[in-house]
N, C-alpha and C. Protein backbone atom coordinates (compact mmCIF):
# COMPACT_ATOMS: atom_id res chain seq x y z
N MET A 1 14.47 -16.82 2.99
CA MET A 1 14.00 -15.23 3.38
C MET A 1 12.60 -15.43 3.23
N GLY A 2 11.79 -14.86 4.02
CA GLY A 2 10.21 -14.96 4.38
C GLY A 2 9.70 -14.05 2.97
N ASP A 3 8.52 -14.46 2.67
CA ASP A 3 7.74 -13.57 1.81
C ASP A 3 7.26 -12.42 2.28
N LEU A 4 6.94 -11.13 1.71
CA LEU A 4 6.23 -10.07 1.96
C LEU A 4 4.83 -9.97 1.16
N LEU A 5 3.36 -10.01 1.71
CA LEU A 5 2.72 -9.75 1.27
C LEU A 5 1.97 -8.33 1.56
N LEU A 6 1.63 -8.05 0.15
CA LEU A 6 0.86 -6.08 0.56
C LEU A 6 -0.63 -6.28 0.11
N ILE A 7 -1.24 -5.73 0.61
CA ILE A 7 -2.74 -5.30 0.40
C ILE A 7 -3.03 -4.18 0.24
N ARG A 8 -3.45 -3.81 -0.79
CA ARG A 8 -4.25 -2.19 -0.80
C ARG A 8 -5.63 -2.56 -0.84
N HIS A 9 -6.17 -1.46 0.28
CA HIS A 9 -7.13 -1.11 1.03
C HIS A 9 -8.27 -1.30 -0.38
N GLY A 10 -9.60 -1.91 -0.08
CA GLY A 10 -10.56 -1.85 -0.73
C GLY A 10 -10.91 -0.92 -1.23
N GLU A 11 -12.23 -0.64 -2.29
CA GLU A 11 -12.84 0.61 -2.97
C GLU A 11 -13.40 1.17 -2.11
N THR A 12 -12.97 2.91 -2.11
CA THR A 12 -13.73 3.85 -1.49
C THR A 12 -14.09 4.77 -2.73
N GLU A 13 -15.21 5.60 -2.11
CA GLU A 13 -15.52 6.27 -3.41
C GLU A 13 -14.76 7.32 -4.03
N TRP A 14 -13.79 7.98 -3.10
CA TRP A 14 -12.54 8.48 -3.86
C TRP A 14 -11.85 7.31 -5.19
N SER A 15 -11.58 6.58 -4.44
CA SER A 15 -10.70 5.71 -5.15
C SER A 15 -11.40 5.33 -6.81
N ARG A 16 -12.95 4.93 -6.24
CA ARG A 16 -13.59 4.27 -7.67
C ARG A 16 -13.84 5.64 -8.59
N GLN A 17 -13.48 7.27 -8.03
CA GLN A 17 -13.60 8.41 -9.08
C GLN A 17 -12.32 8.92 -9.33
N GLY A 18 -11.03 8.12 -9.03
CA GLY A 18 -9.51 8.65 -9.36
C GLY A 18 -9.16 9.68 -8.69
N ARG A 19 -9.53 10.08 -7.36
CA ARG A 19 -9.43 11.19 -6.64
C ARG A 19 -8.46 10.75 -5.92
N HIS A 20 -7.18 11.50 -5.93
CA HIS A 20 -6.13 11.70 -4.88
C HIS A 20 -6.66 11.52 -3.65
N THR A 21 -6.23 10.01 -2.91
CA THR A 21 -6.90 10.33 -1.29
C THR A 21 -5.65 9.57 -0.44
N GLY A 22 -4.92 11.08 0.57
CA GLY A 22 -4.38 10.54 1.26
C GLY A 22 -4.47 10.49 2.68
N SER A 23 -4.69 11.45 3.18
CA SER A 23 -5.06 11.37 4.92
C SER A 23 -6.76 12.00 5.02
N THR A 24 -7.24 11.70 3.93
CA THR A 24 -8.76 11.95 4.15
C THR A 24 -9.53 10.33 4.48
N ASP A 25 -10.13 10.40 5.80
CA ASP A 25 -10.19 9.12 6.13
C ASP A 25 -11.46 8.70 5.93
N LEU A 26 -11.99 8.34 4.59
CA LEU A 26 -13.21 7.71 3.66
C LEU A 26 -13.33 6.10 4.47
N PRO A 27 -14.75 5.63 4.15
CA PRO A 27 -14.63 4.47 4.46
C PRO A 27 -14.82 3.31 2.97
N LEU A 28 -14.99 2.16 3.55
CA LEU A 28 -15.09 1.40 2.08
C LEU A 28 -16.45 1.70 1.75
N THR A 29 -16.55 1.47 0.59
CA THR A 29 -18.27 0.97 -0.27
C THR A 29 -18.25 -0.15 0.32
N ARG A 30 -19.76 -0.24 -0.36
CA ARG A 30 -20.22 -1.74 -0.38
C ARG A 30 -19.41 -2.80 -1.08
N TYR A 31 -18.82 -2.48 -2.12
CA TYR A 31 -17.91 -3.13 -3.10
C TYR A 31 -16.76 -3.48 -2.31
N GLY A 32 -16.21 -2.39 -2.00
CA GLY A 32 -14.85 -2.13 -1.21
C GLY A 32 -14.98 -3.21 -0.12
N GLU A 33 -16.16 -3.55 0.71
CA GLU A 33 -16.26 -4.33 1.84
C GLU A 33 -16.30 -5.81 0.96
N ALA A 34 -17.22 -5.81 0.03
CA ALA A 34 -17.04 -7.44 -0.37
C ALA A 34 -15.77 -7.64 -1.17
N GLN A 35 -14.89 -6.82 -1.78
CA GLN A 35 -13.37 -7.06 -2.28
C GLN A 35 -12.60 -7.72 -0.70
N ALA A 36 -12.52 -6.94 0.51
CA ALA A 36 -12.20 -7.24 1.36
C ALA A 36 -12.41 -8.79 1.78
N HIS A 37 -13.76 -9.16 1.84
CA HIS A 37 -14.05 -10.47 2.52
C HIS A 37 -13.35 -11.42 1.53
N ALA A 38 -13.64 -11.23 -0.11
CA ALA A 38 -13.22 -12.06 -0.97
C ALA A 38 -11.18 -11.97 -0.66
N LEU A 39 -10.62 -11.30 -0.37
CA LEU A 39 -9.34 -11.66 0.03
C LEU A 39 -9.26 -12.78 1.15
N ALA A 40 -10.01 -12.59 1.88
CA ALA A 40 -10.35 -13.91 3.31
C ALA A 40 -9.96 -15.14 2.77
N GLY A 41 -10.81 -15.50 1.43
CA GLY A 41 -10.88 -16.50 0.75
C GLY A 41 -9.36 -17.34 0.47
N ALA A 42 -8.73 -16.26 -0.07
CA ALA A 42 -7.44 -16.48 -0.60
C ALA A 42 -6.28 -16.39 0.56
N LEU A 43 -6.93 -15.83 1.59
CA LEU A 43 -5.70 -16.37 2.82
C LEU A 43 -6.19 -16.94 3.71
N THR A 44 -6.96 -17.73 3.63
CA THR A 44 -7.33 -18.86 4.88
C THR A 44 -6.20 -19.72 5.34
N VAL A 45 -4.84 -20.00 4.29
CA VAL A 45 -4.17 -21.04 4.96
C VAL A 45 -2.53 -20.26 5.26
N LEU A 46 -2.93 -18.87 5.50
CA LEU A 46 -1.92 -18.34 5.66
C LEU A 46 -1.66 -17.92 7.30
N GLU A 47 -0.18 -18.00 7.73
CA GLU A 47 -0.14 -18.11 9.03
C GLU A 47 0.61 -16.85 9.32
N PRO A 48 0.31 -15.75 9.01
CA PRO A 48 1.62 -14.66 9.07
C PRO A 48 2.37 -14.54 10.41
N ALA A 49 3.90 -14.00 10.28
CA ALA A 49 4.51 -13.79 11.20
C ALA A 49 4.03 -12.46 11.80
N ARG A 50 3.63 -11.19 11.27
CA ARG A 50 3.11 -10.06 11.74
C ARG A 50 2.57 -9.22 10.26
N VAL A 51 1.26 -8.67 10.95
CA VAL A 51 0.56 -7.91 9.87
C VAL A 51 0.14 -6.73 10.35
N LEU A 52 0.94 -5.75 9.76
CA LEU A 52 1.06 -4.39 9.92
C LEU A 52 0.01 -3.62 9.00
N VAL A 53 -0.68 -2.18 9.65
CA VAL A 53 -1.75 -1.91 8.77
C VAL A 53 -1.19 0.09 9.15
N SER A 54 -2.08 0.46 8.18
CA SER A 54 -1.82 1.78 7.92
C SER A 54 -3.13 2.32 9.16
N PRO A 55 -2.81 2.87 9.67
CA PRO A 55 -3.68 3.81 10.68
C PRO A 55 -5.48 4.12 9.91
N LEU A 56 -5.22 4.72 8.85
CA LEU A 56 -6.38 4.68 8.13
C LEU A 56 -7.29 4.02 8.25
N ARG A 57 -8.79 4.35 7.98
CA ARG A 57 -9.86 2.83 8.67
C ARG A 57 -9.92 2.33 7.19
N ARG A 58 -9.78 2.93 6.34
CA ARG A 58 -10.39 2.21 4.96
C ARG A 58 -8.69 0.76 4.80
N ALA A 59 -8.03 1.11 5.07
CA ALA A 59 -7.09 0.04 5.40
C ALA A 59 -7.43 -1.02 6.54
N VAL A 60 -7.47 -0.26 7.65
CA VAL A 60 -7.93 -1.26 9.05
C VAL A 60 -9.26 -2.20 8.33
N ARG A 61 -10.34 -1.72 8.13
CA ARG A 61 -11.39 -2.27 7.86
C ARG A 61 -11.17 -3.08 7.05
N THR A 62 -10.26 -3.00 5.76
CA THR A 62 -9.72 -4.22 4.82
C THR A 62 -9.21 -5.16 5.59
N ALA A 63 -8.57 -5.26 6.66
CA ALA A 63 -7.50 -6.10 7.05
C ALA A 63 -8.40 -6.72 7.73
N GLN A 64 -9.41 -6.52 8.52
CA GLN A 64 -10.10 -7.08 9.59
C GLN A 64 -11.37 -7.92 8.57
N LEU A 65 -11.92 -7.57 7.50
CA LEU A 65 -12.57 -8.28 6.41
C LEU A 65 -11.96 -9.14 6.02
N ALA A 66 -10.70 -9.26 5.67
CA ALA A 66 -9.62 -9.81 5.00
C ALA A 66 -9.59 -11.24 6.25
N GLY A 67 -9.57 -11.10 7.78
CA GLY A 67 -9.63 -12.26 8.26
C GLY A 67 -8.47 -12.15 9.32
N PHE A 68 -7.75 -11.00 9.10
CA PHE A 68 -6.85 -10.58 10.06
C PHE A 68 -7.57 -10.21 11.64
N SER A 69 -7.05 -10.66 12.41
CA SER A 69 -7.20 -10.18 14.02
C SER A 69 -6.04 -9.67 15.09
N ASP A 70 -4.92 -10.22 14.72
CA ASP A 70 -3.97 -9.41 15.38
C ASP A 70 -3.36 -8.28 14.26
N LEU A 71 -3.72 -7.33 14.58
CA LEU A 71 -2.91 -6.28 14.10
C LEU A 71 -2.30 -5.41 14.58
N ARG A 72 -1.28 -4.83 13.78
CA ARG A 72 -0.46 -3.79 14.51
C ARG A 72 -0.78 -2.64 13.76
N ILE A 73 -0.74 -1.53 13.99
CA ILE A 73 -0.85 -0.47 13.48
C ILE A 73 0.61 0.16 13.02
N GLU A 74 0.53 0.75 11.73
CA GLU A 74 2.49 1.33 11.68
C GLU A 74 2.28 2.55 11.27
N PRO A 75 1.96 3.34 11.79
CA PRO A 75 1.79 5.11 11.13
C PRO A 75 2.57 5.31 9.81
N ASP A 76 3.74 4.51 9.84
CA ASP A 76 4.36 4.68 8.26
C ASP A 76 4.22 4.41 7.03
N LEU A 77 2.61 3.43 7.42
CA LEU A 77 2.17 2.86 6.21
C LEU A 77 1.07 3.82 5.72
N ARG A 78 0.79 4.66 6.18
CA ARG A 78 0.17 5.58 5.91
C ARG A 78 0.30 6.17 4.35
N GLU A 79 -0.92 6.79 3.47
CA GLU A 79 -1.07 6.98 2.05
C GLU A 79 0.26 8.09 1.70
N TRP A 80 0.54 8.61 0.88
CA TRP A 80 1.38 9.74 0.56
C TRP A 80 0.39 10.88 0.50
N ASP A 81 1.08 11.80 1.48
CA ASP A 81 0.09 13.14 1.45
C ASP A 81 0.26 14.10 -0.08
N TYR A 82 -0.78 13.85 -0.25
CA TYR A 82 -0.65 14.76 -1.40
C TYR A 82 -0.95 15.98 -1.42
N GLY A 83 -0.97 16.87 -0.23
CA GLY A 83 -0.81 18.20 -0.40
C GLY A 83 -2.06 18.74 -0.99
N GLY A 84 -1.81 19.63 -1.90
CA GLY A 84 -2.55 20.76 -2.39
C GLY A 84 -3.56 19.94 -3.41
N TYR A 85 -3.04 18.73 -3.78
CA TYR A 85 -3.62 17.54 -4.49
C TYR A 85 -4.74 17.00 -4.14
N GLU A 86 -4.90 16.89 -2.57
CA GLU A 86 -5.60 16.16 -1.97
C GLU A 86 -7.16 15.97 -2.59
N GLY A 87 -7.90 15.20 -3.08
CA GLY A 87 -9.00 14.84 -3.49
C GLY A 87 -9.29 15.14 -5.07
N VAL A 88 -8.23 15.47 -5.84
CA VAL A 88 -8.28 16.25 -6.86
C VAL A 88 -7.53 14.69 -7.90
N THR A 89 -8.57 14.68 -9.41
CA THR A 89 -7.92 13.74 -10.08
C THR A 89 -6.64 14.06 -10.74
N THR A 90 -6.06 13.39 -11.43
CA THR A 90 -5.10 13.32 -12.00
C THR A 90 -5.32 14.20 -13.37
N ALA A 91 -6.39 14.24 -13.81
CA ALA A 91 -7.06 14.75 -15.01
C ALA A 91 -6.99 16.34 -14.66
N ASP A 92 -7.66 16.74 -13.76
CA ASP A 92 -7.70 17.97 -13.19
C ASP A 92 -6.63 19.01 -12.93
N ILE A 93 -5.58 18.07 -12.37
CA ILE A 93 -4.33 18.69 -12.28
C ILE A 93 -3.68 18.47 -13.48
N ARG A 94 -3.81 17.79 -14.49
CA ARG A 94 -3.12 17.90 -15.89
C ARG A 94 -3.49 19.31 -16.61
N ARG A 95 -4.78 19.71 -16.21
CA ARG A 95 -5.34 20.81 -16.80
C ARG A 95 -4.76 22.04 -16.34
N ALA A 96 -3.99 22.40 -15.58
CA ALA A 96 -3.12 23.49 -14.82
C ALA A 96 -1.62 23.19 -15.27
N ARG A 97 -1.00 21.51 -15.10
CA ARG A 97 0.34 21.72 -14.81
C ARG A 97 0.00 20.28 -15.90
N PRO A 98 0.24 20.51 -17.38
CA PRO A 98 0.35 19.43 -18.61
C PRO A 98 1.13 18.78 -18.31
N GLY A 99 1.22 17.34 -18.35
CA GLY A 99 2.25 16.70 -18.29
C GLY A 99 2.62 15.99 -16.91
N TRP A 100 2.11 16.47 -15.78
CA TRP A 100 2.59 16.44 -14.51
C TRP A 100 2.55 14.86 -14.27
N ASP A 101 3.51 14.60 -13.26
CA ASP A 101 3.95 13.33 -12.74
C ASP A 101 4.03 13.29 -11.45
N LEU A 102 3.38 12.50 -11.07
CA LEU A 102 3.38 12.56 -9.23
C LEU A 102 4.83 11.85 -9.33
N TRP A 103 5.35 10.93 -9.91
CA TRP A 103 6.60 10.32 -9.15
C TRP A 103 7.66 10.84 -9.78
N THR A 104 7.71 11.88 -10.24
CA THR A 104 8.90 12.84 -10.72
C THR A 104 8.53 14.48 -10.06
N GLU A 105 7.38 14.77 -9.90
CA GLU A 105 7.17 15.83 -9.54
C GLU A 105 6.77 16.12 -8.24
N GLY A 106 6.10 15.60 -7.55
CA GLY A 106 5.73 15.49 -6.62
C GLY A 106 4.61 16.26 -6.38
N VAL A 107 4.18 16.94 -5.36
CA VAL A 107 2.88 17.30 -5.21
C VAL A 107 3.11 19.07 -4.48
N LEU A 108 1.88 19.82 -4.40
CA LEU A 108 2.07 21.20 -4.51
C LEU A 108 1.94 21.26 -2.77
N PRO A 109 2.37 22.16 -1.86
CA PRO A 109 1.79 22.15 -0.71
C PRO A 109 0.27 22.25 -0.56
N GLY A 110 -0.06 21.87 0.78
CA GLY A 110 -1.53 22.07 0.75
C GLY A 110 -1.59 22.98 2.34
N ASP A 111 -2.66 22.97 2.86
CA ASP A 111 -2.95 23.45 4.25
C ASP A 111 -2.09 23.01 5.36
N HIS A 112 -2.45 22.98 6.66
CA HIS A 112 -1.66 22.72 7.49
C HIS A 112 -2.48 21.32 8.05
N ARG A 113 -3.29 20.76 7.48
CA ARG A 113 -3.73 19.06 7.25
C ARG A 113 -3.13 18.35 6.14
N HIS A 114 -2.76 18.86 5.10
CA HIS A 114 -2.33 18.58 4.28
C HIS A 114 -1.02 19.20 3.66
N PRO A 115 -0.07 19.18 4.47
CA PRO A 115 1.37 19.69 3.74
C PRO A 115 2.11 19.28 2.69
N GLY A 116 1.63 17.89 2.38
CA GLY A 116 2.40 17.20 1.19
C GLY A 116 3.81 16.65 1.39
N GLU A 117 4.20 15.83 0.48
CA GLU A 117 5.08 14.92 0.89
C GLU A 117 5.84 15.19 -0.75
N SER A 118 7.40 14.64 -0.72
CA SER A 118 8.01 14.38 -2.13
C SER A 118 8.14 13.04 -1.95
N PRO A 119 8.42 12.67 -3.38
CA PRO A 119 8.65 10.98 -3.29
C PRO A 119 9.71 10.82 -2.38
N ALA A 120 10.68 11.28 -1.81
CA ALA A 120 12.06 10.87 -1.42
C ALA A 120 11.47 10.89 -0.21
N GLU A 121 10.49 11.91 0.80
CA GLU A 121 9.66 11.52 1.99
C GLU A 121 9.16 10.45 1.94
N VAL A 122 8.30 10.06 1.44
CA VAL A 122 7.58 8.80 1.01
C VAL A 122 8.45 7.45 1.18
N ALA A 123 9.65 7.64 0.20
CA ALA A 123 10.47 6.37 -0.10
C ALA A 123 11.16 6.32 1.79
N ALA A 124 11.60 7.42 2.12
CA ALA A 124 11.96 7.39 3.78
C ALA A 124 11.20 6.63 4.47
N ARG A 125 9.71 6.67 4.50
CA ARG A 125 8.96 6.08 5.23
C ARG A 125 9.34 4.71 4.91
N CYS A 126 8.92 4.22 4.03
CA CYS A 126 9.11 2.62 3.62
C CYS A 126 10.10 2.49 3.86
N ASP A 127 11.47 2.81 4.05
CA ASP A 127 12.76 2.41 3.93
C ASP A 127 12.63 2.15 5.67
N ARG A 128 11.95 2.56 6.25
CA ARG A 128 11.79 2.58 7.87
C ARG A 128 10.58 1.30 8.23
N VAL A 129 9.86 1.42 7.41
CA VAL A 129 9.27 -0.08 7.64
C VAL A 129 9.70 -1.17 7.32
N LEU A 130 10.63 -1.02 6.02
CA LEU A 130 11.68 -2.16 5.46
C LEU A 130 12.80 -2.81 6.50
N ALA A 131 13.25 -1.76 7.20
CA ALA A 131 14.36 -2.03 8.07
C ALA A 131 13.51 -2.59 9.46
N GLY A 132 12.35 -2.35 9.77
CA GLY A 132 11.68 -2.74 10.80
C GLY A 132 11.21 -3.96 10.77
N ILE A 133 10.95 -4.74 9.65
CA ILE A 133 10.51 -6.14 9.22
C ILE A 133 12.00 -7.04 9.01
N ALA A 134 12.78 -6.56 8.65
CA ALA A 134 14.03 -7.37 8.07
C ALA A 134 14.35 -8.30 8.69
N PRO A 135 14.09 -8.45 10.51
CA PRO A 135 14.58 -9.76 11.05
C PRO A 135 13.81 -10.37 10.75
N LEU A 136 12.20 -10.30 10.68
CA LEU A 136 11.34 -11.29 10.57
C LEU A 136 11.44 -12.13 8.91
N LEU A 137 11.90 -11.05 7.68
CA LEU A 137 11.92 -11.63 6.57
C LEU A 137 13.17 -12.26 6.58
N ASP A 138 14.29 -11.77 7.27
CA ASP A 138 15.40 -12.64 7.36
C ASP A 138 15.68 -13.85 8.07
N GLY A 139 14.56 -13.87 9.06
CA GLY A 139 14.81 -15.21 9.58
C GLY A 139 15.64 -15.03 10.95
N GLY A 140 15.33 -13.57 11.53
CA GLY A 140 16.54 -13.52 12.65
C GLY A 140 15.82 -12.92 13.99
N THR A 141 14.24 -13.53 13.82
CA THR A 141 13.47 -13.46 15.17
C THR A 141 12.47 -14.69 15.34
N ALA A 142 12.23 -15.07 16.55
CA ALA A 142 11.70 -15.99 16.91
C ALA A 142 10.52 -16.04 16.20
N GLU A 143 9.80 -15.23 15.96
CA GLU A 143 8.59 -14.70 14.70
C GLU A 143 8.75 -15.04 13.13
N ALA A 144 9.98 -15.35 13.17
CA ALA A 144 10.44 -15.59 11.63
C ALA A 144 9.88 -16.91 11.16
N GLY A 145 9.50 -17.10 10.25
CA GLY A 145 8.99 -18.55 9.25
C GLY A 145 7.79 -18.15 8.12
N GLY A 146 6.58 -17.37 9.05
CA GLY A 146 5.73 -17.13 8.34
C GLY A 146 6.00 -15.57 7.42
N ALA A 147 4.75 -15.41 6.43
CA ALA A 147 4.85 -13.95 5.66
C ALA A 147 4.21 -12.80 6.34
N VAL A 148 5.35 -11.90 6.18
CA VAL A 148 4.72 -10.55 6.70
C VAL A 148 3.68 -10.26 5.66
N VAL A 149 3.06 -9.54 6.34
CA VAL A 149 1.37 -8.44 5.50
C VAL A 149 1.53 -7.40 6.17
N LEU A 150 1.73 -6.45 4.98
CA LEU A 150 1.27 -4.97 5.09
C LEU A 150 0.11 -4.53 4.36
N VAL A 151 -0.88 -4.33 4.76
CA VAL A 151 -2.20 -3.46 4.45
C VAL A 151 -2.21 -2.06 4.51
N SER A 152 -2.21 -1.56 3.11
CA SER A 152 -1.99 -0.24 3.39
C SER A 152 -2.52 0.30 2.17
N HIS A 153 -2.06 1.31 1.20
CA HIS A 153 -2.44 2.14 0.30
C HIS A 153 -1.64 1.94 -1.06
N GLY A 154 -2.24 2.57 -2.24
CA GLY A 154 -1.92 2.29 -3.35
C GLY A 154 -0.40 2.64 -3.68
N HIS A 155 0.09 4.27 -3.67
CA HIS A 155 0.63 4.88 -3.94
C HIS A 155 2.00 4.03 -3.27
N LEU A 156 1.94 4.20 -1.64
CA LEU A 156 2.77 3.85 -0.80
C LEU A 156 3.30 2.83 -0.71
N LEU A 157 2.15 1.61 -1.31
CA LEU A 157 3.01 -0.08 -1.62
C LEU A 157 3.68 0.09 -2.64
N ARG A 158 3.26 0.97 -3.90
CA ARG A 158 4.10 1.13 -4.98
C ARG A 158 5.73 1.37 -4.77
N VAL A 159 5.72 2.44 -3.88
CA VAL A 159 7.24 3.28 -3.38
C VAL A 159 7.57 2.04 -2.45
N LEU A 160 7.21 1.36 -1.66
CA LEU A 160 7.67 0.57 -0.91
C LEU A 160 8.32 -0.80 -1.68
N THR A 161 7.52 -1.15 -2.54
CA THR A 161 8.01 -2.12 -3.67
C THR A 161 9.32 -1.84 -4.69
N ALA A 162 9.21 -0.71 -4.63
CA ALA A 162 10.31 -0.07 -5.48
C ALA A 162 11.69 0.13 -4.62
N ARG A 163 11.10 0.29 -3.37
CA ARG A 163 12.42 0.34 -2.16
C ARG A 163 13.10 -0.98 -1.94
N TYR A 164 11.87 -1.99 -1.84
CA TYR A 164 12.30 -3.55 -1.60
C TYR A 164 13.25 -3.89 -2.74
N LEU A 165 13.21 -3.60 -3.79
CA LEU A 165 13.41 -4.31 -4.91
C LEU A 165 14.97 -3.63 -5.00
N GLY A 166 15.15 -2.58 -4.52
CA GLY A 166 16.49 -1.57 -4.31
C GLY A 166 16.56 -0.48 -5.62
N LEU A 167 15.12 -0.16 -5.78
CA LEU A 167 14.64 1.07 -6.59
C LEU A 167 14.55 2.25 -6.52
N PRO A 168 14.82 3.13 -7.08
CA PRO A 168 14.26 4.62 -6.46
C PRO A 168 12.78 4.54 -6.54
N ALA A 169 12.43 5.12 -5.66
CA ALA A 169 11.19 5.44 -5.49
C ALA A 169 10.03 6.05 -6.45
N ALA A 170 10.77 6.78 -7.45
CA ALA A 170 9.90 6.72 -8.86
C ALA A 170 9.53 5.83 -9.99
N ASP A 171 10.39 4.63 -9.42
CA ASP A 171 10.09 3.31 -10.19
C ASP A 171 8.66 3.03 -9.82
N GLY A 172 8.06 3.01 -8.54
CA GLY A 172 7.10 3.03 -8.15
C GLY A 172 5.87 2.99 -9.28
N ALA A 173 6.37 3.69 -9.91
CA ALA A 173 5.33 3.93 -11.41
C ALA A 173 5.05 2.70 -12.04
N LEU A 174 6.23 1.64 -11.83
CA LEU A 174 5.48 0.51 -12.76
C LEU A 174 5.07 -0.22 -12.20
N PHE A 175 4.48 -0.23 -11.21
CA PHE A 175 3.80 -1.18 -10.15
C PHE A 175 2.38 -0.74 -9.97
N THR A 176 1.76 -1.00 -10.96
CA THR A 176 0.38 -0.31 -10.70
C THR A 176 -0.56 -1.45 -9.81
N MET A 177 -1.32 -1.04 -8.87
CA MET A 177 -2.53 -2.09 -7.90
C MET A 177 -3.60 -1.01 -7.93
N ALA A 178 -4.67 -2.54 -7.90
CA ALA A 178 -5.88 -2.09 -8.08
C ALA A 178 -6.22 -2.34 -6.55
N THR A 179 -7.56 -1.81 -6.30
CA THR A 179 -8.20 -1.77 -4.91
C THR A 179 -8.23 -3.15 -4.76
N ALA A 180 -7.78 -3.52 -3.37
CA ALA A 180 -7.96 -4.51 -2.63
C ALA A 180 -7.03 -5.79 -3.37
N ALA A 181 -5.99 -5.07 -4.02
CA ALA A 181 -4.88 -6.18 -4.75
C ALA A 181 -4.14 -6.90 -3.47
N LEU A 182 -3.82 -8.09 -4.35
CA LEU A 182 -3.16 -9.09 -3.29
C LEU A 182 -1.60 -9.26 -3.95
N CYS A 183 -0.30 -8.84 -3.57
CA CYS A 183 0.83 -8.98 -4.10
C CYS A 183 2.21 -9.71 -3.25
N ARG A 184 2.70 -10.48 -3.76
CA ARG A 184 3.57 -11.23 -3.00
C ARG A 184 5.29 -10.58 -3.49
N LEU A 185 6.04 -10.29 -2.66
CA LEU A 185 7.27 -10.10 -2.78
C LEU A 185 8.31 -11.30 -2.25
N GLY A 186 9.33 -11.43 -2.61
CA GLY A 186 10.42 -12.73 -2.12
C GLY A 186 11.45 -12.54 -2.81
N ALA A 187 12.06 -13.74 -2.73
CA ALA A 187 13.55 -13.75 -3.06
C ALA A 187 13.68 -15.00 -4.09
N ASP A 188 14.54 -15.18 -4.83
CA ASP A 188 14.83 -16.24 -6.11
C ASP A 188 16.16 -16.15 -6.13
N ARG A 189 17.05 -17.35 -5.55
CA ARG A 189 18.09 -17.20 -5.64
C ARG A 189 19.00 -16.62 -4.75
N GLY A 190 18.32 -16.03 -3.81
CA GLY A 190 19.35 -14.70 -3.12
C GLY A 190 18.69 -13.09 -3.66
N ARG A 191 18.05 -12.96 -4.82
CA ARG A 191 17.82 -11.79 -5.34
C ARG A 191 16.59 -11.36 -5.09
N ARG A 192 16.19 -10.49 -4.51
CA ARG A 192 14.76 -10.07 -4.71
C ARG A 192 13.96 -9.84 -5.69
N VAL A 193 12.50 -10.08 -5.53
CA VAL A 193 11.74 -10.51 -6.86
C VAL A 193 10.20 -9.95 -6.37
N VAL A 194 9.63 -9.99 -7.68
CA VAL A 194 8.21 -10.09 -7.55
C VAL A 194 7.91 -11.48 -7.74
N LEU A 195 7.10 -11.86 -6.92
CA LEU A 195 6.63 -13.45 -7.32
C LEU A 195 5.15 -13.71 -7.43
N GLY A 196 4.49 -12.36 -7.15
CA GLY A 196 2.94 -12.57 -7.98
C GLY A 196 2.31 -10.46 -7.34
N TRP A 197 1.37 -10.61 -8.65
CA TRP A 197 1.12 -8.82 -9.17
C TRP A 197 -0.21 -8.86 -8.99
N ASN A 198 -0.90 -7.92 -8.10
CA ASN A 198 -2.28 -8.17 -8.39
C ASN A 198 -3.09 -9.52 -8.61
N LEU A 199 -2.82 -10.23 -7.76
CA LEU A 199 -3.28 -11.98 -7.85
C LEU A 199 -4.75 -11.74 -7.78
N PRO A 200 -5.50 -12.41 -8.64
CA PRO A 200 -7.12 -12.53 -8.56
C PRO A 200 -7.57 -12.93 -7.68
N THR A 201 -8.39 -11.97 -6.89
CA THR A 201 -9.44 -11.95 -5.49
C THR A 201 -10.52 -11.34 -5.76
N ARG A 202 -10.45 -10.64 -6.61
CA ARG A 202 -11.78 -9.88 -6.54
C ARG A 202 -13.15 -10.16 -6.67
N PRO A 203 -14.24 -10.06 -6.18
CA PRO A 203 -15.70 -10.38 -6.45
C PRO A 203 -16.29 -9.85 -7.84
N VAL A 204 -17.25 -9.92 -8.49
CA VAL A 204 -17.64 -9.56 -9.30
C VAL A 204 -18.34 -8.44 -8.65
N ARG A 205 -18.57 -7.08 -9.79
CA ARG A 205 -19.18 -6.15 -9.17
C ARG A 205 -20.98 -6.13 -9.61
């Protein structure tokens, strides 16, 4: 079974501030670009079977700076739609809703650009991505043999990790990811496992 490499985009101004960033299409900070360049050094020997990238520019730019040229945009890899919590920090949300938890409660609806998504809706998108790459990971296509790389966003990739391991979406809470994190999923004796998490590639700020 092929490995699945997950890469969260580099730092943006909102990620640095801890603000929920769904469809707001922010660029990388200068440090975020340095993080993405550092990924390139860790991936020099990688010959992926496929590289799928979120359509948001922070993910696309991270993939480009990490050295990937043959990118395929995958709309289902976009970040969780935070609805009315777009641009808001967890601390600010909990002032109005003490104890609020994204993983179990989801978000409030927003405007027409940010309608919001439930954990189940995000999980459904992740399941579609995993179903699409299953032939590559399982060795069932001519492209099989190399790793599959997904360049996306923190919360989306945490849900995807949970679903890959056969867990409910809410268990994505267990898999925190730093900006520009490199994580590796695979198999051990036929069982899907985490092979590496938040692997060190980040530059000194």
